[in-house]
Amino acid sequence: MASEQARQAEHAFVKNFASTLSAHPVTFANDYQQPPENTLRRIPVAPIDLPPPPERKSADVAPTGSIDITIKSTKPAQSYSLSVQSTDTIATIKSQLAAKPGAPPADVQRLLLKGKALADGKLLKEYDVKEGDTVNLMVKPGFHWDPSDTAPSPPPAFSSYGSQEPVGPEHITLLPEQPSSKRPGHSRIPSVVLSPSPSLTPAPDAKLADIPLLLDTSSIPSTGPLSAAAAESPYHATIAQPAFWDRLFTFLSGEFAHRSDAATAWEDFFRASKSQLSVSEIAMIRDNVGVMGMAGT
């Protein structure tokens, strides 16, 4: 019996000791290595034949030889043959075409291939143009192209009224000032006319036209000196006093809840009276009241 109790006590001690040890965390040293027998085995891979990698294609080399293309116009019917490089830009081809007798200037040309416009900054090879291809030619609207005229023709100038009358270098002529029947303090400035320079020699079939430019300043309020009658009127004597405008702003501030609304109402009345005030009186009133307008006026 005693031996049985001793065996049970020893078994309970071992069980408690093992439970206590399992509760403690396991800490490995920095140089710890897993035993080889505890490592995972590698999965065997069956040998599979892989196809060889594709060969790298050599970069396309641009052709260095010249190609012959035809540039054809429908209206007027005209055709030009050019020997160009595939690395030439469209702008270079236009300049080369413009050097041909009777060809239009480069700045008015429009080149098209299969209905698609060719951009000046792109290369010819970007449009896949080959030997013997035909490129269509058009000119910009408003330009008269005559293939029989071998001299370069500059684009026509137009007058301000849309008439196709060529005008040359201009000089400015001032016409006499015209009186105005509008209210006092408003007037019209002299009319400005752009006329061809006297040194210009017009072509035999050209007609020189004046371009009148009129500026009406009747809607601009005058801030110049007042007439003697207006300066001596009782109305002017009252509104020229800064104290009048100060009392008006105080009254409006009591009528409106916000100061900005009062300043807006005051500004509306003040702007309506500015034509009766001089520049110095306007500045004095604004300095006294403290309400500034656009650009300080």
Protein backbone atom coordinates (compact mmCIF):
# COMPACT_ATOMS: atom_id res chain seq x y z
CA MET A 1 0.00 0.00 0.00
CA ALA A 2 2.77 2.44 0.88
CA SER A 3 4.52 1.80 -2.38
CA GLU A 4 1.32 2.44 -4.32
CA GLN A 5 0.80 5.79 -2.62
CA ALA A 6 4.41 6.76 -3.29
CA ARG A 7 4.00 5.89 -6.99
CA GLN A 8 0.83 7.99 -7.28
CA ALA A 9 2.48 10.93 -5.50
CA GLU A 10 5.45 10.72 -7.88
CA HIS A 11 3.13 10.59 -10.87
CA ALA A 12 1.22 13.66 -9.64
CA PHE A 13 4.51 15.53 -9.10
CA VAL A 14 5.74 14.75 -12.63
CA LYS A 15 2.41 15.82 -14.10
CA ASN A 16 2.38 19.14 -12.24
CA PHE A 17 6.04 19.78 -13.12
CA ALA A 18 5.44 19.10 -16.83
CA SER A 19 2.36 21.37 -16.81
CA THR A 20 4.39 24.15 -15.17
CA LEU A 21 7.16 23.84 -17.75
CA SER A 22 4.72 23.94 -20.69
CA ALA A 23 3.29 27.23 -19.41
CA HIS A 24 6.65 29.02 -19.74
CA PRO A 25 7.48 30.59 -23.21
CA VAL A 26 10.20 28.96 -25.23
CA THR A 27 13.12 31.31 -26.01
CA PHE A 28 15.72 30.39 -28.62
CA ALA A 29 19.22 31.75 -28.78
CA ASN A 30 20.25 34.05 -31.61
CA ASP A 31 22.42 31.34 -33.16
CA TYR A 32 19.76 28.63 -32.92
CA GLN A 33 19.45 26.37 -35.97
CA GLN A 34 16.73 23.88 -36.71
CA PRO A 35 17.95 20.29 -36.63
CA PRO A 36 18.17 18.79 -40.13
CA GLU A 37 15.77 15.98 -39.25
CA ASN A 38 13.08 18.51 -38.27
CA THR A 39 13.21 20.56 -41.47
CA LEU A 40 10.52 20.18 -44.12
CA ARG A 41 11.40 18.05 -47.06
CA ARG A 42 11.51 19.62 -50.49
CA ILE A 43 8.78 18.61 -52.89
CA PRO A 44 10.25 16.76 -55.83
CA VAL A 45 9.78 18.53 -59.16
CA ALA A 46 9.44 16.46 -62.27
CA PRO A 47 11.79 17.58 -65.07
CA ILE A 48 9.83 19.36 -67.79
CA ASP A 49 11.30 20.44 -71.07
CA LEU A 50 10.86 24.23 -71.50
CA PRO A 51 10.83 25.89 -74.90
CA PRO A 52 13.79 28.13 -75.68
CA PRO A 53 13.30 31.89 -75.12
CA PRO A 54 12.27 33.87 -78.19
CA GLU A 55 14.99 35.57 -80.13
CA ARG A 56 15.25 39.31 -79.76
CA LYS A 57 14.26 41.10 -82.90
CA SER A 58 16.64 43.69 -84.20
CA ALA A 59 15.37 47.26 -84.21
CA ASP A 60 13.97 48.51 -87.46
CA VAL A 61 16.54 50.61 -89.23
CA ALA A 62 15.18 53.61 -91.05
CA PRO A 63 16.02 53.61 -94.73
CA THR A 64 18.72 56.05 -95.64
CA GLY A 65 17.89 56.37 -99.33
CA SER A 66 15.52 58.98 -100.76
CA ILE A 67 12.04 58.16 -102.04
CA ASP A 68 10.04 59.83 -104.78
CA ILE A 69 6.54 61.00 -103.98
CA THR A 70 3.94 62.95 -105.93
CA ILE A 71 2.10 65.91 -104.45
CA LYS A 72 -1.11 66.52 -106.36
CA SER A 73 -3.65 69.32 -106.20
CA THR A 74 -7.21 69.08 -107.57
CA LYS A 75 -8.17 72.78 -107.62
CA PRO A 76 -6.25 74.00 -109.47
CA ALA A 77 -5.04 70.84 -111.17
CA GLN A 78 -1.33 70.73 -110.45
CA SER A 79 1.19 67.99 -109.73
CA TYR A 80 4.72 68.09 -108.30
CA SER A 81 7.33 65.37 -107.93
CA LEU A 82 9.62 65.52 -104.91
CA SER A 83 12.57 63.42 -103.81
CA VAL A 84 12.44 63.32 -100.03
CA GLN A 85 13.83 61.37 -97.09
CA SER A 86 11.59 59.30 -94.87
CA THR A 87 13.14 61.09 -91.88
CA ASP A 88 12.13 64.54 -93.17
CA THR A 89 9.46 66.42 -91.27
CA ILE A 90 6.25 67.50 -92.95
CA ALA A 91 7.29 71.14 -92.46
CA THR A 92 10.53 70.44 -94.36
CA ILE A 93 8.60 68.86 -97.21
CA LYS A 94 6.30 71.90 -97.37
CA SER A 95 9.31 74.20 -97.62
CA GLN A 96 10.78 72.01 -100.36
CA LEU A 97 7.49 72.15 -102.24
CA ALA A 98 7.23 75.94 -101.83
CA ALA A 99 10.55 76.28 -103.67
CA LYS A 100 8.98 74.79 -106.80
CA PRO A 101 7.86 77.31 -109.46
CA GLY A 102 4.19 78.14 -109.10
CA ALA A 103 3.79 76.26 -105.81
CA PRO A 104 1.93 77.94 -102.91
CA PRO A 105 3.84 79.22 -99.86
CA ALA A 106 4.57 76.75 -97.10
CA ASP A 107 2.40 78.52 -94.50
CA VAL A 108 -0.79 78.09 -96.57
CA GLN A 109 -0.21 74.47 -97.62
CA ARG A 110 -2.23 71.56 -96.25
CA LEU A 111 -0.95 68.07 -97.06
CA LEU A 112 -3.34 65.12 -96.76
CA LEU A 113 -2.81 61.37 -97.10
CA LYS A 114 -5.96 59.26 -97.53
CA GLY A 115 -8.04 62.11 -96.13
CA LYS A 116 -5.85 62.57 -93.02
CA ALA A 117 -4.01 65.86 -92.50
CA LEU A 118 -0.25 65.60 -92.00
CA ALA A 119 1.09 67.47 -88.96
CA ASP A 120 4.11 69.73 -89.51
CA GLY A 121 6.09 68.38 -86.56
CA LYS A 122 5.88 64.69 -87.50
CA LEU A 123 8.21 62.68 -89.71
CA LEU A 124 7.20 61.35 -93.08
CA LYS A 125 7.88 57.75 -92.03
CA GLU A 126 5.29 58.06 -89.24
CA TYR A 127 2.58 58.11 -91.92
CA ASP A 128 3.96 55.04 -93.72
CA VAL A 129 4.57 56.88 -97.00
CA LYS A 130 6.28 54.64 -99.54
CA GLU A 131 7.96 55.05 -102.89
CA GLY A 132 5.58 56.42 -105.52
CA ASP A 133 2.76 57.36 -103.11
CA THR A 134 0.59 60.40 -103.86
CA VAL A 135 -0.03 63.11 -101.26
CA ASN A 136 -2.94 65.50 -101.77
CA LEU A 137 -2.36 69.25 -101.60
CA MET A 138 -4.83 71.94 -100.52
CA VAL A 139 -4.43 75.60 -99.58
CA LYS A 140 -5.98 77.42 -96.66
CA PRO A 141 -9.30 79.22 -97.28
CA GLY A 142 -8.96 82.85 -98.34
CA PHE A 143 -5.70 82.37 -100.23
CA HIS A 144 -5.80 82.71 -104.02
CA TRP A 145 -3.32 80.33 -105.62
CA ASP A 146 -2.41 80.82 -109.25
CA PRO A 147 0.17 78.22 -110.46
CA SER A 148 0.99 80.40 -113.48
CA ASP A 149 2.29 83.13 -111.16
CA THR A 150 5.86 82.16 -110.34
CA ALA A 151 6.45 85.15 -108.03
CA PRO A 152 5.67 84.57 -104.34
CA SER A 153 2.35 86.20 -103.41
CA PRO A 154 1.92 87.34 -99.81
CA PRO A 155 -1.43 86.76 -98.10
CA PRO A 156 -3.90 89.60 -98.70
CA ALA A 157 -4.68 92.17 -96.05
CA PHE A 158 -8.26 93.04 -95.22
CA SER A 159 -9.89 96.24 -94.11
CA SER A 160 -11.77 96.48 -90.82
CA TYR A 161 -15.12 96.25 -92.65
CA GLY A 162 -14.36 92.87 -94.24
CA SER A 163 -13.80 94.14 -97.81
CA GLN A 164 -10.89 92.48 -99.56
CA GLU A 165 -9.15 95.73 -100.35
CA PRO A 166 -5.40 95.52 -99.69
CA VAL A 167 -4.08 98.17 -97.35
CA GLY A 168 -0.46 98.96 -96.65
CA PRO A 169 1.42 100.45 -93.70
CA GLU A 170 -0.78 102.88 -91.80
CA HIS A 171 -0.34 106.23 -90.13
CA ILE A 172 -2.77 107.87 -87.74
CA THR A 173 -4.77 110.94 -88.74
CA LEU A 174 -6.84 112.99 -86.29
CA LEU A 175 -10.06 114.49 -87.61
CA PRO A 176 -11.43 117.76 -86.18
CA GLU A 177 -13.28 117.36 -82.91
CA GLN A 178 -17.03 117.07 -83.38
CA PRO A 179 -19.37 118.92 -81.00
CA SER A 180 -21.78 116.83 -78.96
CA SER A 181 -25.34 117.70 -78.02
CA LYS A 182 -25.29 115.53 -74.90
CA ARG A 183 -25.42 116.78 -71.33
CA PRO A 184 -22.68 119.12 -70.03
CA GLY A 185 -19.39 117.59 -69.03
CA HIS A 186 -19.50 114.87 -71.74
CA SER A 187 -17.77 115.09 -75.11
CA ARG A 188 -16.34 112.98 -77.91
CA ILE A 189 -12.61 112.66 -78.46
CA PRO A 190 -11.27 113.29 -81.97
CA SER A 191 -11.92 110.43 -84.38
CA VAL A 192 -8.95 108.26 -85.29
CA VAL A 193 -8.48 107.17 -88.90
CA LEU A 194 -5.90 104.67 -90.13
CA SER A 195 -4.85 105.70 -93.62
CA PRO A 196 -2.27 104.19 -95.97
CA SER A 197 1.16 105.75 -95.69
CA PRO A 198 1.95 108.40 -98.37
CA SER A 199 5.17 106.50 -99.12
CA LEU A 200 3.21 103.42 -100.21
CA THR A 201 3.03 102.83 -103.94
CA PRO A 202 -0.24 100.97 -104.62
CA ALA A 203 -0.56 98.32 -107.29
CA PRO A 204 -2.37 99.34 -110.50
CA ASP A 205 -5.49 97.34 -109.58
CA ALA A 206 -5.37 98.01 -105.83
CA LYS A 207 -7.63 100.44 -104.01
CA LEU A 208 -6.50 102.07 -100.78
CA ALA A 209 -9.20 102.55 -98.17
CA ASP A 210 -9.29 104.60 -94.96
CA ILE A 211 -10.35 102.79 -91.78
CA PRO A 212 -12.24 105.21 -89.45
CA LEU A 213 -12.07 104.28 -85.77
CA LEU A 214 -14.52 106.25 -83.60
CA LEU A 215 -14.49 106.16 -79.80
CA ASP A 216 -17.53 107.58 -78.03
CA THR A 217 -16.79 108.73 -74.48
CA SER A 218 -20.22 110.18 -73.79
CA SER A 219 -21.02 107.47 -71.27
CA ILE A 220 -17.90 108.21 -69.19
CA PRO A 221 -18.63 110.65 -66.34
CA SER A 222 -16.47 113.73 -66.31
CA THR A 223 -14.35 114.50 -63.25
CA GLY A 224 -12.89 117.70 -64.58
CA PRO A 225 -13.34 121.21 -63.11
CA LEU A 226 -16.94 122.34 -62.60
CA SER A 227 -18.45 125.34 -64.23
CA ALA A 228 -18.83 128.51 -62.17
CA ALA A 229 -22.65 128.20 -62.07
CA ALA A 230 -22.52 124.60 -60.84
CA ALA A 231 -19.88 125.37 -58.21
CA GLU A 232 -21.94 128.23 -56.73
CA SER A 233 -25.30 126.38 -56.60
CA PRO A 234 -26.81 125.58 -53.15
CA TYR A 235 -27.03 121.91 -54.10
CA HIS A 236 -23.30 121.73 -54.74
CA ALA A 237 -22.52 123.66 -51.58
CA THR A 238 -24.42 121.02 -49.57
CA ILE A 239 -23.07 117.83 -51.17
CA ALA A 240 -19.50 119.19 -51.21
CA GLN A 241 -19.42 119.16 -47.40
CA PRO A 242 -17.84 115.97 -45.94
CA ALA A 243 -20.06 116.37 -42.87
CA PHE A 244 -23.17 115.84 -45.05
CA TRP A 245 -21.90 112.49 -46.26
CA ASP A 246 -20.77 111.52 -42.77
CA ARG A 247 -24.28 112.14 -41.40
CA LEU A 248 -25.78 110.21 -44.32
CA PHE A 249 -23.57 107.19 -43.60
CA THR A 250 -24.49 107.33 -39.90
CA PHE A 251 -28.18 107.37 -40.82
CA LEU A 252 -27.81 104.43 -43.22
CA SER A 253 -25.83 102.44 -40.64
CA GLY A 254 -28.85 102.67 -38.32
CA GLU A 255 -31.24 101.49 -41.04
CA PHE A 256 -29.24 98.42 -42.14
CA ALA A 257 -28.21 95.51 -39.95
CA HIS A 258 -24.86 95.05 -41.70
CA ARG A 259 -22.31 97.78 -42.28
CA SER A 260 -21.57 96.47 -45.79
CA ASP A 261 -25.22 97.07 -46.81
CA ALA A 262 -25.04 100.61 -45.47
CA ALA A 263 -21.80 101.21 -47.39
CA THR A 264 -23.43 99.90 -50.60
CA ALA A 265 -26.42 102.25 -50.25
CA TRP A 266 -24.10 105.17 -49.46
CA GLU A 267 -21.90 104.34 -52.47
CA ASP A 268 -24.90 104.29 -54.84
CA PHE A 269 -25.95 107.80 -53.84
CA PHE A 270 -22.37 109.08 -53.85
CA ARG A 271 -21.69 107.74 -57.35
CA ALA A 272 -24.81 109.50 -58.63
CA SER A 273 -23.46 112.79 -57.28
CA LYS A 274 -19.83 112.48 -58.40
CA SER A 275 -20.47 114.37 -61.64
CA GLN A 276 -21.23 117.46 -59.52
CA LEU A 277 -18.02 117.17 -57.46
CA SER A 278 -14.40 117.89 -58.24
CA VAL A 279 -11.58 115.43 -57.77
CA SER A 280 -10.33 117.10 -54.61
CA GLU A 281 -13.84 117.18 -53.09
CA ILE A 282 -14.33 113.48 -53.82
CA ALA A 283 -11.03 112.62 -52.13
CA MET A 284 -11.85 114.79 -49.12
CA ILE A 285 -15.27 113.16 -48.67
CA ARG A 286 -13.91 109.61 -48.87
CA ASP A 287 -11.12 110.38 -46.42
CA ASN A 288 -13.62 111.82 -43.94
CA VAL A 289 -16.22 109.02 -44.21
CA GLY A 290 -13.78 106.14 -44.67
CA VAL A 291 -15.61 104.38 -47.54
CA MET A 292 -13.30 103.72 -50.48
CA GLY A 293 -14.50 102.87 -53.97
CA MET A 294 -12.95 100.94 -56.85
CA ALA A 295 -9.24 101.81 -57.19
CA GLY A 296 -9.68 104.42 -54.44
CA THR A 297 -11.93 106.73 -56.52
